[in-house]
Amino acid sequence: MPKIKNPYVNREGYNCFGCCPTNPTGLQMEFLLEGDEVVSNWHPSEAFQGWNNILHGGIQATLMDEIGSWFAIIEGKTSGVTSSLNIRYKKPVPTDKGAIKLIARHKETRRNLMTVDIQLFAPDGQLCSEAVATYFMLHPKIAKEQFLYPGVDAFLPDKS
């Protein structure tokens, strides 16, 4: 699985809670392309628990929104903003058993709204939560000028 590049890493002021690798209190998520899906393997720590060794529901929501937005950026070839995020929590997510896996895939696009299905799996492979997120996709000119969107090629792995 090729790793998706983060073109914002060296941009002044960039400190996203979800994906900035140098934010010491952030999630520091990374993303991979797997066919037509975006995948993230993320290692929870006790700092993100809500109850003893259980991942906080708000952190789960953030993880799912973040991977969904990265999927939308790549699939939509422009930037977007979250319009809605609907989550179903099914099972507790342990913070002390290893990496969890998140998967985002396209559900539908209607005009400038992209809907993404997202799943979060425990280290043992059990589905723990799922979400449907909708992103308002910006006109490419606005994405570039106001959101500093560098174009989809800046995210894609080098073809070697």
C-alpha atoms as a PDB file:
ATOM      1  CA  MET A   1       0.000   0.000   0.000  1.00  0.00           C
ATOM      2  CA  PRO A   2       1.555   3.311  -1.016  1.00  0.00           C
ATOM      3  CA  LYS A   3       1.652   6.056   1.616  1.00  0.00           C
ATOM      4  CA  ILE A   4      -0.253   9.244   0.852  1.00  0.00           C
ATOM      5  CA  LYS A   5       1.991  12.305   1.068  1.00  0.00           C
ATOM      6  CA  ASN A   6       1.134  15.178   3.388  1.00  0.00           C
ATOM      7  CA  PRO A   7       1.968  18.307   1.360  1.00  0.00           C
ATOM      8  CA  TYR A   8       1.210  20.622   4.279  1.00  0.00           C
ATOM      9  CA  VAL A   9       4.045  19.374   6.529  1.00  0.00           C
ATOM     10  CA  ASN A  10       6.406  22.282   5.883  1.00  0.00           C
ATOM     11  CA  ARG A  11       3.732  24.977   5.624  1.00  0.00           C
ATOM     12  CA  GLU A  12       4.014  27.714   8.244  1.00  0.00           C
ATOM     13  CA  GLY A  13       1.165  27.575  10.754  1.00  0.00           C
ATOM     14  CA  TYR A  14       0.164  23.996   9.922  1.00  0.00           C
ATOM     15  CA  ASN A  15      -0.669  22.181  13.170  1.00  0.00           C
ATOM     16  CA  CYS A  16      -3.742  20.044  12.401  1.00  0.00           C
ATOM     17  CA  PHE A  17      -4.852  18.010  15.427  1.00  0.00           C
ATOM     18  CA  GLY A  18      -5.682  15.076  13.161  1.00  0.00           C
ATOM     19  CA  CYS A  19      -2.765  14.781  10.748  1.00  0.00           C
ATOM     20  CA  CYS A  20       0.149  17.069  11.616  1.00  0.00           C
ATOM     21  CA  PRO A  21       3.103  14.769  12.385  1.00  0.00           C
ATOM     22  CA  THR A  22       4.743  17.375  14.620  1.00  0.00           C
ATOM     23  CA  ASN A  23       1.723  18.282  16.782  1.00  0.00           C
ATOM     24  CA  PRO A  24       2.783  16.713  20.104  1.00  0.00           C
ATOM     25  CA  THR A  25      -0.784  16.519  21.435  1.00  0.00           C
ATOM     26  CA  GLY A  26      -2.391  15.556  18.112  1.00  0.00           C
ATOM     27  CA  LEU A  27      -3.340  12.242  16.552  1.00  0.00           C
ATOM     28  CA  GLN A  28      -0.525  12.363  13.954  1.00  0.00           C
ATOM     29  CA  MET A  29      -2.487  10.206  11.494  1.00  0.00           C
ATOM     30  CA  GLU A  30      -0.939   8.875   8.291  1.00  0.00           C
ATOM     31  CA  PHE A  31      -2.823   7.479   5.316  1.00  0.00           C
ATOM     32  CA  LEU A  32      -2.344   4.771   2.718  1.00  0.00           C
ATOM     33  CA  LEU A  33      -3.971   4.114  -0.651  1.00  0.00           C
ATOM     34  CA  GLU A  34      -5.395   0.629  -0.981  1.00  0.00           C
ATOM     35  CA  GLY A  35      -7.215   0.298  -4.298  1.00  0.00           C
ATOM     36  CA  ASP A  36     -10.099   2.760  -4.161  1.00  0.00           C
ATOM     37  CA  GLU A  37      -9.942   3.121  -0.362  1.00  0.00           C
ATOM     38  CA  VAL A  38      -7.924   5.246   2.047  1.00  0.00           C
ATOM     39  CA  VAL A  39      -6.621   3.337   5.072  1.00  0.00           C
ATOM     40  CA  SER A  40      -5.022   4.454   8.327  1.00  0.00           C
ATOM     41  CA  ASN A  41      -3.392   2.286  10.966  1.00  0.00           C
ATOM     42  CA  TRP A  42      -3.309   4.312  14.154  1.00  0.00           C
ATOM     43  CA  HIS A  43      -1.816   3.480  17.533  1.00  0.00           C
ATOM     44  CA  PRO A  44      -3.989   4.766  20.404  1.00  0.00           C
ATOM     45  CA  SER A  45      -2.439   5.774  23.703  1.00  0.00           C
ATOM     46  CA  GLU A  46      -3.879   6.153  27.166  1.00  0.00           C
ATOM     47  CA  ALA A  47      -3.910   9.931  26.605  1.00  0.00           C
ATOM     48  CA  PHE A  48      -6.953   9.426  24.352  1.00  0.00           C
ATOM     49  CA  GLN A  49      -9.043   7.199  26.594  1.00  0.00           C
ATOM     50  CA  GLY A  50     -12.468   8.058  27.933  1.00  0.00           C
ATOM     51  CA  TRP A  51     -12.672   5.155  30.378  1.00  0.00           C
ATOM     52  CA  ASN A  52     -10.012   2.687  31.498  1.00  0.00           C
ATOM     53  CA  ASN A  53      -8.243   1.536  28.327  1.00  0.00           C
ATOM     54  CA  ILE A  54     -11.221   2.520  26.126  1.00  0.00           C
ATOM     55  CA  LEU A  55     -10.803   5.051  23.299  1.00  0.00           C
ATOM     56  CA  HIS A  56     -12.889   8.201  23.853  1.00  0.00           C
ATOM     57  CA  GLY A  57     -15.863   8.503  21.482  1.00  0.00           C
ATOM     58  CA  GLY A  58     -14.880  12.045  20.514  1.00  0.00           C
ATOM     59  CA  ILE A  59     -11.450  10.827  19.449  1.00  0.00           C
ATOM     60  CA  GLN A  60     -13.114   8.103  17.372  1.00  0.00           C
ATOM     61  CA  ALA A  61     -15.223  10.797  15.711  1.00  0.00           C
ATOM     62  CA  THR A  62     -12.128  12.875  14.974  1.00  0.00           C
ATOM     63  CA  LEU A  63     -10.270   9.882  13.518  1.00  0.00           C
ATOM     64  CA  MET A  64     -13.213   9.071  11.252  1.00  0.00           C
ATOM     65  CA  ASP A  65     -13.709  12.671  10.141  1.00  0.00           C
ATOM     66  CA  GLU A  66      -9.996  13.045   9.399  1.00  0.00           C
ATOM     67  CA  ILE A  67      -9.688   9.924   7.239  1.00  0.00           C
ATOM     68  CA  GLY A  68     -12.956  10.801   5.507  1.00  0.00           C
ATOM     69  CA  SER A  69     -11.688  14.264   4.634  1.00  0.00           C
ATOM     70  CA  TRP A  70      -8.421  12.872   3.253  1.00  0.00           C
ATOM     71  CA  PHE A  71     -10.442  10.450   1.132  1.00  0.00           C
ATOM     72  CA  ALA A  72     -12.601  13.335  -0.143  1.00  0.00           C
ATOM     73  CA  ILE A  73      -9.525  15.426  -0.999  1.00  0.00           C
ATOM     74  CA  ILE A  74      -8.040  12.619  -3.082  1.00  0.00           C
ATOM     75  CA  GLU A  75     -11.254  11.361  -4.696  1.00  0.00           C
ATOM     76  CA  GLY A  76     -12.709  14.833  -5.278  1.00  0.00           C
ATOM     77  CA  LYS A  77      -9.428  16.389  -6.440  1.00  0.00           C
ATOM     78  CA  THR A  78     -10.189  19.526  -4.432  1.00  0.00           C
ATOM     79  CA  SER A  79     -10.534  20.569  -0.822  1.00  0.00           C
ATOM     80  CA  GLY A  80     -13.711  20.311   1.157  1.00  0.00           C
ATOM     81  CA  VAL A  81     -15.237  20.900   4.563  1.00  0.00           C
ATOM     82  CA  THR A  82     -17.283  18.574   6.728  1.00  0.00           C
ATOM     83  CA  SER A  83     -21.000  19.068   6.294  1.00  0.00           C
ATOM     84  CA  SER A  84     -22.184  16.173   8.479  1.00  0.00           C
ATOM     85  CA  LEU A  85     -20.781  13.211  10.384  1.00  0.00           C
ATOM     86  CA  ASN A  86     -23.107  10.473  11.598  1.00  0.00           C
ATOM     87  CA  ILE A  87     -21.518   7.812  13.794  1.00  0.00           C
ATOM     88  CA  ARG A  88     -22.689   4.483  15.119  1.00  0.00           C
ATOM     89  CA  TYR A  89     -20.640   3.190  18.047  1.00  0.00           C
ATOM     90  CA  LYS A  90     -20.909  -0.606  18.176  1.00  0.00           C
ATOM     91  CA  LYS A  91     -18.192  -1.869  20.543  1.00  0.00           C
ATOM     92  CA  PRO A  92     -15.576  -0.328  22.833  1.00  0.00           C
ATOM     93  CA  VAL A  93     -12.206   0.355  21.205  1.00  0.00           C
ATOM     94  CA  PRO A  94      -9.258  -0.736  23.375  1.00  0.00           C
ATOM     95  CA  THR A  95      -6.312   1.634  23.769  1.00  0.00           C
ATOM     96  CA  ASP A  96      -3.930  -1.026  25.093  1.00  0.00           C
ATOM     97  CA  LYS A  97      -4.097  -3.819  22.481  1.00  0.00           C
ATOM     98  CA  GLY A  98      -2.255  -2.307  19.499  1.00  0.00           C
ATOM     99  CA  ALA A  99      -3.084  -0.435  16.314  1.00  0.00           C
ATOM    100  CA  ILE A 100      -6.615   0.172  15.141  1.00  0.00           C
ATOM    101  CA  LYS A 101      -7.502   0.310  11.455  1.00  0.00           C
ATOM    102  CA  LEU A 102      -9.708   2.857   9.729  1.00  0.00           C
ATOM    103  CA  ILE A 103     -11.026   2.502   6.185  1.00  0.00           C
ATOM    104  CA  ALA A 104     -12.745   5.196   4.103  1.00  0.00           C
ATOM    105  CA  ARG A 105     -14.520   4.540   0.806  1.00  0.00           C
ATOM    106  CA  HIS A 106     -16.769   6.450  -1.571  1.00  0.00           C
ATOM    107  CA  LYS A 107     -20.512   6.178  -1.050  1.00  0.00           C
ATOM    108  CA  GLU A 108     -21.903   8.808  -3.432  1.00  0.00           C
ATOM    109  CA  THR A 109     -21.426  12.245  -4.918  1.00  0.00           C
ATOM    110  CA  ARG A 110     -24.254  14.618  -5.664  1.00  0.00           C
ATOM    111  CA  ARG A 111     -23.276  17.935  -7.183  1.00  0.00           C
ATOM    112  CA  ASN A 112     -20.722  19.344  -4.711  1.00  0.00           C
ATOM    113  CA  LEU A 113     -21.490  16.962  -1.808  1.00  0.00           C
ATOM    114  CA  MET A 114     -19.378  13.827  -1.407  1.00  0.00           C
ATOM    115  CA  THR A 115     -20.510  11.134   1.025  1.00  0.00           C
ATOM    116  CA  VAL A 116     -17.920   8.759   2.465  1.00  0.00           C
ATOM    117  CA  ASP A 117     -18.406   5.504   4.400  1.00  0.00           C
ATOM    118  CA  ILE A 118     -15.898   5.007   7.211  1.00  0.00           C
ATOM    119  CA  GLN A 119     -15.195   1.992   9.415  1.00  0.00           C
ATOM    120  CA  LEU A 120     -13.048   1.695  12.535  1.00  0.00           C
ATOM    121  CA  PHE A 121     -11.711  -1.733  13.523  1.00  0.00           C
ATOM    122  CA  ALA A 122     -10.149  -2.883  16.801  1.00  0.00           C
ATOM    123  CA  PRO A 123      -6.703  -4.521  16.766  1.00  0.00           C
ATOM    124  CA  ASP A 124      -8.409  -7.942  16.680  1.00  0.00           C
ATOM    125  CA  GLY A 125     -10.324  -6.989  13.513  1.00  0.00           C
ATOM    126  CA  GLN A 126     -13.739  -6.408  15.109  1.00  0.00           C
ATOM    127  CA  LEU A 127     -15.807  -3.558  13.666  1.00  0.00           C
ATOM    128  CA  CYS A 128     -16.189  -1.101  16.559  1.00  0.00           C
ATOM    129  CA  SER A 129     -17.705   1.984  14.950  1.00  0.00           C
ATOM    130  CA  GLU A 130     -18.815   3.241  11.581  1.00  0.00           C
ATOM    131  CA  ALA A 131     -19.681   6.609  10.155  1.00  0.00           C
ATOM    132  CA  VAL A 132     -21.191   8.276   7.152  1.00  0.00           C
ATOM    133  CA  ALA A 133     -19.581  11.647   6.499  1.00  0.00           C
ATOM    134  CA  THR A 134     -20.605  14.243   3.952  1.00  0.00           C
ATOM    135  CA  TYR A 135     -18.153  16.861   2.699  1.00  0.00           C
ATOM    136  CA  PHE A 136     -18.967  20.089   0.891  1.00  0.00           C
ATOM    137  CA  MET A 137     -16.414  20.076  -1.927  1.00  0.00           C
ATOM    138  CA  LEU A 138     -15.071  23.483  -2.850  1.00  0.00           C
ATOM    139  CA  HIS A 139     -14.626  24.879  -6.309  1.00  0.00           C
ATOM    140  CA  PRO A 140     -10.944  24.195  -7.192  1.00  0.00           C
ATOM    141  CA  LYS A 141     -10.152  27.917  -7.471  1.00  0.00           C
ATOM    142  CA  ILE A 142     -11.496  28.607  -3.968  1.00  0.00           C
ATOM    143  CA  ALA A 143      -9.731  25.503  -2.606  1.00  0.00           C
ATOM    144  CA  LYS A 144      -6.422  26.739  -4.001  1.00  0.00           C
ATOM    145  CA  GLU A 145      -6.769  30.393  -3.019  1.00  0.00           C
ATOM    146  CA  GLN A 146      -8.455  30.147   0.384  1.00  0.00           C
ATOM    147  CA  PHE A 147      -7.528  26.646   1.601  1.00  0.00           C
ATOM    148  CA  LEU A 148      -4.062  26.399  -0.002  1.00  0.00           C
ATOM    149  CA  TYR A 149      -5.007  23.181  -1.792  1.00  0.00           C
ATOM    150  CA  PRO A 150      -1.891  22.147  -3.762  1.00  0.00           C
ATOM    151  CA  GLY A 151      -3.647  19.819  -6.223  1.00  0.00           C
ATOM    152  CA  VAL A 152      -4.248  16.081  -5.915  1.00  0.00           C
ATOM    153  CA  ASP A 153      -0.829  15.142  -7.343  1.00  0.00           C
ATOM    154  CA  ALA A 154       0.846  16.632  -4.243  1.00  0.00           C
ATOM    155  CA  PHE A 155      -0.825  13.896  -2.139  1.00  0.00           C
ATOM    156  CA  LEU A 156      -0.231  10.942  -4.429  1.00  0.00           C
ATOM    157  CA  PRO A 157       2.761   8.643  -4.012  1.00  0.00           C
ATOM    158  CA  ASP A 158       5.524   8.912  -6.611  1.00  0.00           C
ATOM    159  CA  LYS A 159       5.156   6.424  -9.454  1.00  0.00           C
ATOM    160  CA  SER A 160       8.448   4.594  -9.561  1.00  0.00           C
END
